[in-house]
Amino acid sequence: MNICGCLAHVAQEQTDAAAQTMRDTPGVEVHAQAEDGRFVIVVEDTPDRLASEIIMDLHQIPGVISLTLTYHHFEDLAESAPHPEAPSQTTSRRLTL
């Protein structure tokens, strides 16, 4: 799982078109939009593209002045799956003979 929180600044005369392009882009969610052209967006990996590639494409949307990565979370889902052979949280760590 790869989640990137970004702040984008878009020229005011192009905010509607840029917002629609962002919303139409797989892996992108627009969470907030201010009247002055600032956006809060989240970008995630998709089955076809990495979040980093999507972010680079967002820079190319007409009217985008800047797009900054402000939060990044990466988690290997295979590592977070429970391991049946691992001791549970309630198991004592003390060795018994």
N, C-alpha and C. Protein backbone atom coordinates (compact mmCIF):
# COMPACT_ATOMS: atom_id res chain seq x y z
N MET A 1 0.86 -1.17 0.00
CA MET A 1 0.00 0.00 0.00
C MET A 1 0.90 1.23 0.00
N ASN A 2 0.66 2.12 -0.91
CA ASN A 2 1.45 3.33 -1.08
C ASN A 2 0.48 4.49 -1.15
N ILE A 3 0.50 5.36 -0.14
CA ILE A 3 -0.42 6.50 -0.08
C ILE A 3 0.40 7.78 -0.01
N CYS A 4 0.06 8.73 -0.88
CA CYS A 4 0.74 10.01 -0.94
C CYS A 4 -0.27 11.14 -0.77
N GLY A 5 -0.07 11.95 0.23
CA GLY A 5 -0.89 13.15 0.40
C GLY A 5 -0.19 14.32 -0.25
N CYS A 6 -0.92 15.05 -1.09
CA CYS A 6 -0.31 16.15 -1.84
C CYS A 6 -1.14 17.42 -1.73
N LEU A 7 -0.45 18.53 -1.87
CA LEU A 7 -1.09 19.84 -1.99
C LEU A 7 -0.79 20.35 -3.39
N ALA A 8 -1.84 20.76 -4.08
CA ALA A 8 -1.67 21.29 -5.43
C ALA A 8 -2.17 22.73 -5.45
N HIS A 9 -1.52 23.54 -6.26
CA HIS A 9 -1.96 24.91 -6.49
C HIS A 9 -2.20 25.05 -7.98
N VAL A 10 -3.42 25.48 -8.32
CA VAL A 10 -3.84 25.57 -9.72
C VAL A 10 -4.26 27.01 -10.00
N ALA A 11 -3.92 27.49 -11.19
CA ALA A 11 -4.36 28.84 -11.61
C ALA A 11 -5.87 28.92 -11.53
N GLN A 12 -6.38 30.00 -10.94
CA GLN A 12 -7.81 30.12 -10.65
C GLN A 12 -8.70 29.95 -11.88
N GLU A 13 -8.26 30.43 -13.02
CA GLU A 13 -9.10 30.33 -14.21
C GLU A 13 -9.17 28.91 -14.76
N GLN A 14 -8.36 28.00 -14.23
CA GLN A 14 -8.35 26.63 -14.72
C GLN A 14 -8.70 25.60 -13.64
N THR A 15 -9.22 26.05 -12.50
CA THR A 15 -9.47 25.11 -11.40
C THR A 15 -10.53 24.07 -11.74
N ASP A 16 -11.60 24.47 -12.41
CA ASP A 16 -12.66 23.51 -12.70
C ASP A 16 -12.18 22.39 -13.61
N ALA A 17 -11.48 22.76 -14.68
CA ALA A 17 -10.97 21.75 -15.61
C ALA A 17 -9.92 20.87 -14.95
N ALA A 18 -9.02 21.48 -14.17
CA ALA A 18 -7.98 20.70 -13.49
C ALA A 18 -8.59 19.76 -12.46
N ALA A 19 -9.58 20.23 -11.73
CA ALA A 19 -10.24 19.38 -10.73
C ALA A 19 -10.89 18.18 -11.39
N GLN A 20 -11.53 18.40 -12.52
CA GLN A 20 -12.17 17.28 -13.23
C GLN A 20 -11.13 16.29 -13.74
N THR A 21 -10.03 16.80 -14.26
CA THR A 21 -8.97 15.91 -14.74
C THR A 21 -8.41 15.08 -13.59
N MET A 22 -8.20 15.71 -12.44
CA MET A 22 -7.69 14.99 -11.27
C MET A 22 -8.68 13.90 -10.84
N ARG A 23 -9.96 14.27 -10.78
CA ARG A 23 -10.98 13.30 -10.36
C ARG A 23 -11.10 12.13 -11.34
N ASP A 24 -10.83 12.37 -12.59
CA ASP A 24 -10.92 11.33 -13.62
C ASP A 24 -9.66 10.45 -13.69
N THR A 25 -8.63 10.82 -12.95
CA THR A 25 -7.38 10.07 -12.98
C THR A 25 -7.44 8.92 -11.99
N PRO A 26 -7.29 7.68 -12.45
CA PRO A 26 -7.30 6.54 -11.52
C PRO A 26 -6.19 6.67 -10.48
N GLY A 27 -6.54 6.41 -9.23
CA GLY A 27 -5.60 6.50 -8.13
C GLY A 27 -5.58 7.84 -7.43
N VAL A 28 -6.38 8.80 -7.93
CA VAL A 28 -6.40 10.15 -7.36
C VAL A 28 -7.75 10.44 -6.74
N GLU A 29 -7.71 10.99 -5.52
CA GLU A 29 -8.93 11.47 -4.86
C GLU A 29 -8.71 12.93 -4.47
N VAL A 30 -9.64 13.79 -4.83
CA VAL A 30 -9.60 15.19 -4.42
C VAL A 30 -10.40 15.29 -3.13
N HIS A 31 -9.75 15.68 -2.05
CA HIS A 31 -10.41 15.73 -0.74
C HIS A 31 -10.89 17.14 -0.38
N ALA A 32 -10.24 18.15 -0.91
CA ALA A 32 -10.65 19.53 -0.62
C ALA A 32 -10.18 20.44 -1.74
N GLN A 33 -10.97 21.49 -1.94
CA GLN A 33 -10.63 22.47 -2.96
C GLN A 33 -11.01 23.85 -2.44
N ALA A 34 -10.05 24.78 -2.42
CA ALA A 34 -10.30 26.14 -1.98
C ALA A 34 -10.58 27.03 -3.18
N GLU A 35 -11.23 28.14 -2.93
CA GLU A 35 -11.59 29.06 -4.02
C GLU A 35 -10.37 29.67 -4.69
N ASP A 36 -9.23 29.70 -3.98
CA ASP A 36 -8.03 30.32 -4.56
C ASP A 36 -7.18 29.33 -5.37
N GLY A 37 -7.70 28.11 -5.61
CA GLY A 37 -7.01 27.15 -6.47
C GLY A 37 -6.15 26.14 -5.74
N ARG A 38 -6.25 26.09 -4.42
CA ARG A 38 -5.49 25.08 -3.67
C ARG A 38 -6.32 23.81 -3.53
N PHE A 39 -5.65 22.67 -3.68
CA PHE A 39 -6.29 21.36 -3.59
C PHE A 39 -5.56 20.48 -2.59
N VAL A 40 -6.31 19.65 -1.91
CA VAL A 40 -5.75 18.58 -1.10
C VAL A 40 -6.13 17.29 -1.81
N ILE A 41 -5.11 16.52 -2.22
CA ILE A 41 -5.39 15.29 -2.95
C ILE A 41 -4.61 14.13 -2.34
N VAL A 42 -5.13 12.94 -2.56
CA VAL A 42 -4.45 11.72 -2.16
C VAL A 42 -4.22 10.90 -3.42
N VAL A 43 -3.01 10.39 -3.56
CA VAL A 43 -2.64 9.58 -4.71
C VAL A 43 -2.19 8.21 -4.19
N GLU A 44 -2.73 7.17 -4.79
CA GLU A 44 -2.37 5.81 -4.42
C GLU A 44 -1.92 5.03 -5.65
N ASP A 45 -1.09 4.00 -5.41
CA ASP A 45 -0.73 3.10 -6.50
C ASP A 45 -2.00 2.48 -7.07
N THR A 46 -1.99 2.20 -8.36
CA THR A 46 -3.07 1.45 -8.99
C THR A 46 -2.44 0.16 -9.52
N PRO A 47 -3.24 -0.78 -9.97
CA PRO A 47 -2.65 -2.00 -10.52
C PRO A 47 -1.73 -1.74 -11.71
N ASP A 48 -1.96 -0.63 -12.42
CA ASP A 48 -1.18 -0.33 -13.63
C ASP A 48 -0.06 0.68 -13.44
N ARG A 49 -0.15 1.52 -12.39
CA ARG A 49 0.80 2.63 -12.26
C ARG A 49 1.18 2.88 -10.82
N LEU A 50 2.42 3.32 -10.62
CA LEU A 50 2.88 3.71 -9.30
C LEU A 50 2.39 5.11 -8.99
N ALA A 51 2.21 5.39 -7.71
CA ALA A 51 1.77 6.72 -7.29
C ALA A 51 2.75 7.79 -7.76
N SER A 52 4.03 7.49 -7.74
CA SER A 52 5.02 8.47 -8.19
C SER A 52 4.83 8.84 -9.66
N GLU A 53 4.45 7.89 -10.48
CA GLU A 53 4.19 8.17 -11.90
C GLU A 53 2.95 9.04 -12.06
N ILE A 54 1.93 8.74 -11.26
CA ILE A 54 0.68 9.52 -11.31
C ILE A 54 0.95 10.96 -10.89
N ILE A 55 1.75 11.13 -9.83
CA ILE A 55 2.08 12.48 -9.36
C ILE A 55 2.82 13.27 -10.45
N MET A 56 3.73 12.62 -11.13
CA MET A 56 4.45 13.31 -12.22
C MET A 56 3.47 13.74 -13.31
N ASP A 57 2.48 12.90 -13.61
CA ASP A 57 1.47 13.26 -14.61
C ASP A 57 0.61 14.43 -14.14
N LEU A 58 0.30 14.49 -12.85
CA LEU A 58 -0.53 15.58 -12.32
C LEU A 58 0.16 16.93 -12.52
N HIS A 59 1.48 16.94 -12.48
CA HIS A 59 2.22 18.19 -12.74
C HIS A 59 1.95 18.73 -14.15
N GLN A 60 1.57 17.85 -15.07
CA GLN A 60 1.39 18.24 -16.47
C GLN A 60 -0.03 18.71 -16.79
N ILE A 61 -0.93 18.67 -15.83
CA ILE A 61 -2.30 19.14 -16.06
C ILE A 61 -2.26 20.65 -16.31
N PRO A 62 -2.90 21.14 -17.37
CA PRO A 62 -2.89 22.58 -17.63
C PRO A 62 -3.41 23.37 -16.43
N GLY A 63 -2.65 24.38 -16.05
CA GLY A 63 -3.02 25.24 -14.93
C GLY A 63 -2.37 24.87 -13.62
N VAL A 64 -1.79 23.68 -13.51
CA VAL A 64 -1.13 23.29 -12.26
C VAL A 64 0.16 24.10 -12.12
N ILE A 65 0.20 24.89 -11.06
CA ILE A 65 1.37 25.72 -10.78
C ILE A 65 2.39 24.92 -9.99
N SER A 66 1.91 24.21 -8.98
CA SER A 66 2.80 23.39 -8.16
C SER A 66 2.01 22.23 -7.59
N LEU A 67 2.73 21.16 -7.30
CA LEU A 67 2.15 20.00 -6.64
C LEU A 67 3.23 19.45 -5.72
N THR A 68 2.93 19.42 -4.43
CA THR A 68 3.93 19.07 -3.43
C THR A 68 3.50 17.84 -2.66
N LEU A 69 4.41 16.90 -2.50
CA LEU A 69 4.17 15.73 -1.66
C LEU A 69 4.34 16.17 -0.21
N THR A 70 3.29 16.02 0.59
CA THR A 70 3.36 16.45 1.99
C THR A 70 3.24 15.30 2.97
N TYR A 71 2.82 14.13 2.49
CA TYR A 71 2.69 12.96 3.36
C TYR A 71 2.91 11.72 2.52
N HIS A 72 3.64 10.76 3.07
CA HIS A 72 3.84 9.51 2.36
C HIS A 72 3.79 8.35 3.34
N HIS A 73 3.01 7.34 3.00
CA HIS A 73 2.93 6.12 3.82
C HIS A 73 3.07 4.93 2.90
N PHE A 74 4.01 4.06 3.24
CA PHE A 74 4.20 2.83 2.48
C PHE A 74 4.15 1.67 3.45
N GLU A 75 3.40 0.66 3.08
CA GLU A 75 3.30 -0.53 3.92
C GLU A 75 3.25 -1.74 3.01
N ASP A 76 4.12 -2.70 3.26
CA ASP A 76 4.10 -3.94 2.51
C ASP A 76 3.01 -4.81 3.09
N LEU A 77 1.92 -4.98 2.36
CA LEU A 77 0.78 -5.72 2.88
C LEU A 77 1.12 -7.17 3.16
N ALA A 78 2.07 -7.73 2.45
CA ALA A 78 2.47 -9.11 2.71
C ALA A 78 3.11 -9.24 4.09
N GLU A 79 3.83 -8.21 4.53
CA GLU A 79 4.46 -8.23 5.85
C GLU A 79 3.44 -8.03 6.97
N SER A 80 2.33 -7.36 6.69
CA SER A 80 1.35 -7.08 7.74
C SER A 80 0.34 -8.21 7.93
N ALA A 81 0.39 -9.23 7.06
CA ALA A 81 -0.53 -10.37 7.20
C ALA A 81 -0.13 -11.17 8.43
N PRO A 82 -1.12 -11.74 9.13
CA PRO A 82 -0.78 -12.53 10.32
C PRO A 82 0.02 -13.77 9.94
N HIS A 83 0.95 -14.12 10.78
CA HIS A 83 1.76 -15.32 10.60
C HIS A 83 1.33 -16.34 11.64
N PRO A 84 0.71 -17.44 11.23
CA PRO A 84 0.19 -18.41 12.19
C PRO A 84 1.25 -19.01 13.10
N GLU A 85 2.50 -19.09 12.65
CA GLU A 85 3.54 -19.69 13.48
C GLU A 85 4.12 -18.71 14.50
N ALA A 86 3.81 -17.42 14.36
CA ALA A 86 4.34 -16.43 15.28
C ALA A 86 3.56 -16.46 16.59
N PRO A 87 4.24 -16.23 17.72
CA PRO A 87 3.52 -16.21 19.00
C PRO A 87 2.55 -15.04 19.05
N SER A 88 1.42 -15.25 19.69
CA SER A 88 0.43 -14.18 19.79
C SER A 88 0.89 -13.16 20.82
N GLN A 89 0.22 -12.03 20.83
CA GLN A 89 0.55 -10.96 21.78
C GLN A 89 0.39 -11.41 23.22
N THR A 90 -0.53 -12.33 23.46
CA THR A 90 -0.79 -12.77 24.83
C THR A 90 0.12 -13.91 25.27
N THR A 91 0.91 -14.47 24.35
CA THR A 91 1.81 -15.55 24.69
C THR A 91 3.00 -15.02 25.46
N SER A 92 3.36 -15.71 26.52
CA SER A 92 4.52 -15.31 27.29
C SER A 92 5.78 -15.47 26.46
N ARG A 93 6.69 -14.56 26.59
CA ARG A 93 7.96 -14.62 25.87
C ARG A 93 9.01 -15.41 26.67
N ARG A 94 8.66 -15.84 27.86
CA ARG A 94 9.58 -16.57 28.71
C ARG A 94 9.72 -18.01 28.21
N LEU A 95 10.93 -18.48 28.12
CA LEU A 95 11.18 -19.84 27.69
C LEU A 95 10.76 -20.82 28.78
N THR A 96 10.13 -21.89 28.39
CA THR A 96 9.78 -22.94 29.33
C THR A 96 10.47 -24.22 28.91
N LEU A 97 10.85 -25.02 29.88
CA LEU A 97 11.52 -26.28 29.59
C LEU A 97 10.62 -27.45 29.85
